[in-house]
Amino acid sequence: YKVRVITGKESRSGTTANVTLTIYGQNGRSQTFPLKHKNESFKKGSENIFFVTAEDLGNISNIKIAHDDQGKNPSWFLEMIIIEESGTGKIFRFPCGDWISSDDGGKTFRYLSP
């Protein structure tokens, strides 16, 4: 799967936390993937691309995106995640448009549906 992660353009929207992704489909769920680059990822207004390998999950029903709330600026404004199936080219869009943050009693994970 090709995974595109789009961080919002709001002030301080990037994150220093470690981000993970789990994909759920009609045939089961994937492992939890750490989304990490050699270079710094998830900067304000950025689009990061990752490639993850999983069994055929069928049609994707939802995803869990999470972070470990670590680093100098762990709060994160996630705009959207787009997942493309490598074999079929089928695209699933998961809009978020919100903060993933423990600030003000928030949560460091979200379940998103296409």
C-alpha atoms as a PDB file:
ATOM      1  CA  TYR A   1       0.000   0.000   0.000  1.00  0.00           C
ATOM      2  CA  LYS A   2       1.126   3.542  -0.739  1.00  0.00           C
ATOM      3  CA  VAL A   3       0.238   5.820   2.177  1.00  0.00           C
ATOM      4  CA  ARG A   4       0.183   9.615   1.767  1.00  0.00           C
ATOM      5  CA  VAL A   5      -0.004  11.569   5.033  1.00  0.00           C
ATOM      6  CA  ILE A   6      -0.923  15.247   4.730  1.00  0.00           C
ATOM      7  CA  THR A   7      -0.221  17.508   7.712  1.00  0.00           C
ATOM      8  CA  GLY A   8      -2.260  20.705   8.078  1.00  0.00           C
ATOM      9  CA  LYS A   9      -0.995  24.241   7.582  1.00  0.00           C
ATOM     10  CA  GLU A  10      -2.161  25.563  10.945  1.00  0.00           C
ATOM     11  CA  SER A  11       0.370  27.122  13.317  1.00  0.00           C
ATOM     12  CA  ARG A  12       2.479  24.430  15.046  1.00  0.00           C
ATOM     13  CA  SER A  13       0.588  21.688  13.190  1.00  0.00           C
ATOM     14  CA  GLY A  14       3.640  19.443  12.678  1.00  0.00           C
ATOM     15  CA  THR A  15       4.566  16.789  15.229  1.00  0.00           C
ATOM     16  CA  THR A  16       7.750  15.459  16.801  1.00  0.00           C
ATOM     17  CA  ALA A  17       5.945  12.359  18.086  1.00  0.00           C
ATOM     18  CA  ASN A  18       6.332   8.845  16.670  1.00  0.00           C
ATOM     19  CA  VAL A  19       3.353   8.074  14.409  1.00  0.00           C
ATOM     20  CA  THR A  20       1.785   4.658  13.739  1.00  0.00           C
ATOM     21  CA  LEU A  21      -0.881   3.397  11.345  1.00  0.00           C
ATOM     22  CA  THR A  22      -3.152   0.335  11.414  1.00  0.00           C
ATOM     23  CA  ILE A  23      -5.356  -0.489   8.408  1.00  0.00           C
ATOM     24  CA  TYR A  24      -8.672  -2.347   8.782  1.00  0.00           C
ATOM     25  CA  GLY A  25     -10.419  -4.053   5.883  1.00  0.00           C
ATOM     26  CA  GLN A  26     -13.109  -6.594   5.105  1.00  0.00           C
ATOM     27  CA  ASN A  27     -10.495  -9.397   5.312  1.00  0.00           C
ATOM     28  CA  GLY A  28      -8.916  -8.365   8.626  1.00  0.00           C
ATOM     29  CA  ARG A  29      -6.412  -5.848   9.916  1.00  0.00           C
ATOM     30  CA  SER A  30      -2.793  -5.057   9.236  1.00  0.00           C
ATOM     31  CA  GLN A  31      -0.007  -4.953  11.743  1.00  0.00           C
ATOM     32  CA  THR A  32       0.652  -1.558  13.304  1.00  0.00           C
ATOM     33  CA  PHE A  33       3.147   0.228  11.067  1.00  0.00           C
ATOM     34  CA  PRO A  34       5.558   2.870  12.380  1.00  0.00           C
ATOM     35  CA  LEU A  35       5.552   5.748   9.876  1.00  0.00           C
ATOM     36  CA  LYS A  36       9.091   7.033   9.926  1.00  0.00           C
ATOM     37  CA  HIS A  37      11.522   8.556   7.439  1.00  0.00           C
ATOM     38  CA  LYS A  38      15.259   9.102   7.742  1.00  0.00           C
ATOM     39  CA  ASN A  39      14.485  12.808   7.529  1.00  0.00           C
ATOM     40  CA  GLU A  40      12.046  14.606   9.785  1.00  0.00           C
ATOM     41  CA  SER A  41       8.448  13.796   8.875  1.00  0.00           C
ATOM     42  CA  PHE A  42       5.100  15.478   9.494  1.00  0.00           C
ATOM     43  CA  LYS A  43       6.191  19.108   9.244  1.00  0.00           C
ATOM     44  CA  LYS A  44       3.589  21.861   8.905  1.00  0.00           C
ATOM     45  CA  GLY A  45       1.970  21.715   5.454  1.00  0.00           C
ATOM     46  CA  SER A  46       3.919  18.625   4.400  1.00  0.00           C
ATOM     47  CA  GLU A  47       2.948  15.493   2.512  1.00  0.00           C
ATOM     48  CA  ASN A  48       4.867  12.367   3.502  1.00  0.00           C
ATOM     49  CA  ILE A  49       4.728   9.138   1.495  1.00  0.00           C
ATOM     50  CA  PHE A  50       5.233   5.666   2.957  1.00  0.00           C
ATOM     51  CA  PHE A  51       5.009   2.167   1.507  1.00  0.00           C
ATOM     52  CA  VAL A  52       3.680  -0.597   3.768  1.00  0.00           C
ATOM     53  CA  THR A  53       3.189  -4.285   3.039  1.00  0.00           C
ATOM     54  CA  ALA A  54       0.201  -6.250   4.313  1.00  0.00           C
ATOM     55  CA  GLU A  55      -1.909  -9.225   3.294  1.00  0.00           C
ATOM     56  CA  ASP A  56      -4.872  -8.450   1.043  1.00  0.00           C
ATOM     57  CA  LEU A  57      -7.218  -6.640   3.409  1.00  0.00           C
ATOM     58  CA  GLY A  58     -10.010  -6.305   0.858  1.00  0.00           C
ATOM     59  CA  ASN A  59     -11.894  -3.021   0.818  1.00  0.00           C
ATOM     60  CA  ILE A  60     -10.481  -0.802   3.531  1.00  0.00           C
ATOM     61  CA  SER A  61     -13.140   0.090   6.096  1.00  0.00           C
ATOM     62  CA  ASN A  62     -11.175   2.343   8.446  1.00  0.00           C
ATOM     63  CA  ILE A  63      -7.737   3.153   9.819  1.00  0.00           C
ATOM     64  CA  LYS A  64      -6.245   3.968  13.193  1.00  0.00           C
ATOM     65  CA  ILE A  65      -3.647   6.724  13.198  1.00  0.00           C
ATOM     66  CA  ALA A  66      -1.845   7.354  16.481  1.00  0.00           C
ATOM     67  CA  HIS A  67       1.239   8.899  18.036  1.00  0.00           C
ATOM     68  CA  ASP A  68       3.157   8.379  21.265  1.00  0.00           C
ATOM     69  CA  ASP A  69       2.844  11.985  22.541  1.00  0.00           C
ATOM     70  CA  GLN A  70       6.644  12.332  22.709  1.00  0.00           C
ATOM     71  CA  GLY A  71       9.047  15.079  21.705  1.00  0.00           C
ATOM     72  CA  LYS A  72       9.101  18.846  21.981  1.00  0.00           C
ATOM     73  CA  ASN A  73       5.889  19.370  19.957  1.00  0.00           C
ATOM     74  CA  PRO A  74       3.786  16.172  19.960  1.00  0.00           C
ATOM     75  CA  SER A  75       0.434  17.782  19.068  1.00  0.00           C
ATOM     76  CA  TRP A  76      -0.379  17.184  15.399  1.00  0.00           C
ATOM     77  CA  PHE A  77      -2.948  18.623  13.002  1.00  0.00           C
ATOM     78  CA  LEU A  78      -3.674  15.860  10.500  1.00  0.00           C
ATOM     79  CA  GLU A  79      -5.424  17.005   7.350  1.00  0.00           C
ATOM     80  CA  MET A  80      -5.873  13.701   5.526  1.00  0.00           C
ATOM     81  CA  ILE A  81      -4.485  10.253   4.788  1.00  0.00           C
ATOM     82  CA  ILE A  82      -4.767   8.730   1.315  1.00  0.00           C
ATOM     83  CA  ILE A  83      -4.110   5.009   0.814  1.00  0.00           C
ATOM     84  CA  GLU A  84      -3.611   3.449  -2.616  1.00  0.00           C
ATOM     85  CA  GLU A  85      -3.692  -0.307  -3.176  1.00  0.00           C
ATOM     86  CA  SER A  86      -0.553  -1.229  -5.087  1.00  0.00           C
ATOM     87  CA  GLY A  87      -2.131  -3.986  -7.192  1.00  0.00           C
ATOM     88  CA  THR A  88      -5.429  -2.369  -8.168  1.00  0.00           C
ATOM     89  CA  GLY A  89      -4.662   1.337  -7.855  1.00  0.00           C
ATOM     90  CA  LYS A  90      -7.862   1.739  -5.810  1.00  0.00           C
ATOM     91  CA  ILE A  91      -7.700   4.873  -3.661  1.00  0.00           C
ATOM     92  CA  PHE A  92      -9.190   5.379  -0.192  1.00  0.00           C
ATOM     93  CA  ARG A  93      -9.304   8.899   1.314  1.00  0.00           C
ATOM     94  CA  PHE A  94      -9.481   9.398   5.067  1.00  0.00           C
ATOM     95  CA  PRO A  95     -10.180  13.037   5.964  1.00  0.00           C
ATOM     96  CA  CYS A  96      -9.378  14.192   9.485  1.00  0.00           C
ATOM     97  CA  GLY A  97      -8.998  17.998   9.563  1.00  0.00           C
ATOM     98  CA  ASP A  98      -8.385  18.029  13.297  1.00  0.00           C
ATOM     99  CA  TRP A  99      -5.785  17.847  16.036  1.00  0.00           C
ATOM    100  CA  ILE A 100      -4.468  14.547  17.336  1.00  0.00           C
ATOM    101  CA  SER A 101      -3.282  15.696  20.723  1.00  0.00           C
ATOM    102  CA  SER A 102      -3.477  14.991  24.428  1.00  0.00           C
ATOM    103  CA  ASP A 103      -3.881  18.736  25.068  1.00  0.00           C
ATOM    104  CA  ASP A 104      -7.158  19.716  26.713  1.00  0.00           C
ATOM    105  CA  GLY A 105      -8.071  16.086  27.369  1.00  0.00           C
ATOM    106  CA  GLY A 106      -7.818  15.077  23.709  1.00  0.00           C
ATOM    107  CA  LYS A 107      -6.683  11.722  22.356  1.00  0.00           C
ATOM    108  CA  THR A 108      -3.427  10.724  20.698  1.00  0.00           C
ATOM    109  CA  PHE A 109      -5.235   8.477  18.212  1.00  0.00           C
ATOM    110  CA  ARG A 110      -8.116   8.655  15.764  1.00  0.00           C
ATOM    111  CA  TYR A 111     -10.142   6.089  13.886  1.00  0.00           C
ATOM    112  CA  LEU A 112     -10.897   7.462  10.426  1.00  0.00           C
ATOM    113  CA  SER A 113     -13.335   6.203   7.794  1.00  0.00           C
ATOM    114  CA  PRO A 114     -13.249   6.893   4.056  1.00  0.00           C
END
